[in-house]
Amino acid sequence: MNEQIREAVKGVMQERGLTQQQLADEMGIARTHLNQMLSGKLGQVPPRWALLANTLGLEIVIQPKQR
């Protein structure tokens, strides 16, 4: 699940031509922090939320906002 979210974010970044530095700047965080999030070192979905979703037959997904 975490990998799917990271890959979705990376895909959107690529589609929009965003670098890690540009996205980090927009978020107001250090590029190194964003890099750690995208590599899976930080920002994991909490295990209990993953367990909750799995127990209920749900999945946590990331998708574009509806405008």
C-alpha atoms as a PDB file:
ATOM      1  CA  MET A   1       0.000   0.000   0.000  1.00  0.00           C
ATOM      2  CA  ASN A   2       2.703   2.497   0.896  1.00  0.00           C
ATOM      3  CA  GLU A   3       4.561   1.662  -2.310  1.00  0.00           C
ATOM      4  CA  GLN A   4       1.407   2.287  -4.366  1.00  0.00           C
ATOM      5  CA  ILE A   5       1.005   5.724  -2.821  1.00  0.00           C
ATOM      6  CA  ARG A   6       4.654   6.619  -3.402  1.00  0.00           C
ATOM      7  CA  GLU A   7       4.485   5.455  -7.020  1.00  0.00           C
ATOM      8  CA  ALA A   8       1.290   7.445  -7.606  1.00  0.00           C
ATOM      9  CA  VAL A   9       2.947  10.600  -6.261  1.00  0.00           C
ATOM     10  CA  LYS A  10       6.049  10.016  -8.375  1.00  0.00           C
ATOM     11  CA  GLY A  11       3.842   9.511 -11.443  1.00  0.00           C
ATOM     12  CA  VAL A  12       2.041  12.814 -10.903  1.00  0.00           C
ATOM     13  CA  MET A  13       5.357  14.559 -10.339  1.00  0.00           C
ATOM     14  CA  GLN A  14       6.628  13.192 -13.638  1.00  0.00           C
ATOM     15  CA  GLU A  15       3.415  14.142 -15.481  1.00  0.00           C
ATOM     16  CA  ARG A  16       3.688  17.703 -14.178  1.00  0.00           C
ATOM     17  CA  GLY A  17       7.433  17.937 -14.720  1.00  0.00           C
ATOM     18  CA  LEU A  18       8.046  18.625 -11.026  1.00  0.00           C
ATOM     19  CA  THR A  19      11.404  18.008  -9.429  1.00  0.00           C
ATOM     20  CA  GLN A  20      11.713  16.974  -5.814  1.00  0.00           C
ATOM     21  CA  GLN A  21      13.098  20.427  -5.031  1.00  0.00           C
ATOM     22  CA  GLN A  22      10.146  22.189  -6.664  1.00  0.00           C
ATOM     23  CA  LEU A  23       7.603  20.046  -4.826  1.00  0.00           C
ATOM     24  CA  ALA A  24       9.436  20.385  -1.515  1.00  0.00           C
ATOM     25  CA  ASP A  25       9.484  24.158  -1.966  1.00  0.00           C
ATOM     26  CA  GLU A  26       5.716  24.180  -2.622  1.00  0.00           C
ATOM     27  CA  MET A  27       5.175  22.049   0.493  1.00  0.00           C
ATOM     28  CA  GLY A  28       7.499  24.174   2.620  1.00  0.00           C
ATOM     29  CA  ILE A  29       9.733  21.242   3.559  1.00  0.00           C
ATOM     30  CA  ALA A  30      13.352  20.303   2.851  1.00  0.00           C
ATOM     31  CA  ARG A  31      14.050  18.342  -0.330  1.00  0.00           C
ATOM     32  CA  THR A  32      15.832  15.715   1.768  1.00  0.00           C
ATOM     33  CA  HIS A  33      12.653  15.191   3.812  1.00  0.00           C
ATOM     34  CA  LEU A  34      10.593  14.734   0.643  1.00  0.00           C
ATOM     35  CA  ASN A  35      13.209  12.335  -0.708  1.00  0.00           C
ATOM     36  CA  GLN A  36      12.912  10.256   2.447  1.00  0.00           C
ATOM     37  CA  MET A  37       9.131  10.221   2.101  1.00  0.00           C
ATOM     38  CA  LEU A  38       9.331   9.119  -1.535  1.00  0.00           C
ATOM     39  CA  SER A  39      11.874   6.413  -0.753  1.00  0.00           C
ATOM     40  CA  GLY A  40       9.755   4.989   2.071  1.00  0.00           C
ATOM     41  CA  LYS A  41      12.080   5.964   4.908  1.00  0.00           C
ATOM     42  CA  LEU A  42       9.474   8.407   6.305  1.00  0.00           C
ATOM     43  CA  GLY A  43       5.746   8.887   6.048  1.00  0.00           C
ATOM     44  CA  GLN A  44       4.505   5.321   6.158  1.00  0.00           C
ATOM     45  CA  VAL A  45       0.761   4.722   6.483  1.00  0.00           C
ATOM     46  CA  PRO A  46       0.371   3.877  10.181  1.00  0.00           C
ATOM     47  CA  PRO A  47       0.222   0.095  10.614  1.00  0.00           C
ATOM     48  CA  ARG A  48      -3.031   0.256  12.564  1.00  0.00           C
ATOM     49  CA  TRP A  49      -4.739   2.144   9.736  1.00  0.00           C
ATOM     50  CA  ALA A  50      -3.472  -0.427   7.250  1.00  0.00           C
ATOM     51  CA  LEU A  51      -4.768  -3.216   9.515  1.00  0.00           C
ATOM     52  CA  LEU A  52      -8.121  -1.482   9.934  1.00  0.00           C
ATOM     53  CA  ALA A  53      -8.572  -1.030   6.205  1.00  0.00           C
ATOM     54  CA  ASN A  54      -7.459  -4.583   5.462  1.00  0.00           C
ATOM     55  CA  THR A  55      -9.766  -6.067   8.118  1.00  0.00           C
ATOM     56  CA  LEU A  56     -12.737  -4.246   6.606  1.00  0.00           C
ATOM     57  CA  GLY A  57     -11.778  -5.242   3.058  1.00  0.00           C
ATOM     58  CA  LEU A  58     -10.842  -1.667   2.199  1.00  0.00           C
ATOM     59  CA  GLU A  59      -7.793  -0.129   0.631  1.00  0.00           C
ATOM     60  CA  ILE A  60      -6.248   3.270   1.134  1.00  0.00           C
ATOM     61  CA  VAL A  61      -5.794   4.985  -2.218  1.00  0.00           C
ATOM     62  CA  ILE A  62      -4.573   8.302  -3.478  1.00  0.00           C
ATOM     63  CA  GLN A  63      -6.361  10.005  -6.330  1.00  0.00           C
ATOM     64  CA  PRO A  64      -6.668  13.446  -7.895  1.00  0.00           C
ATOM     65  CA  LYS A  65      -8.971  15.897  -6.154  1.00  0.00           C
ATOM     66  CA  GLN A  66     -12.313  16.484  -7.791  1.00  0.00           C
ATOM     67  CA  ARG A  67     -12.695  20.123  -8.719  1.00  0.00           C
END
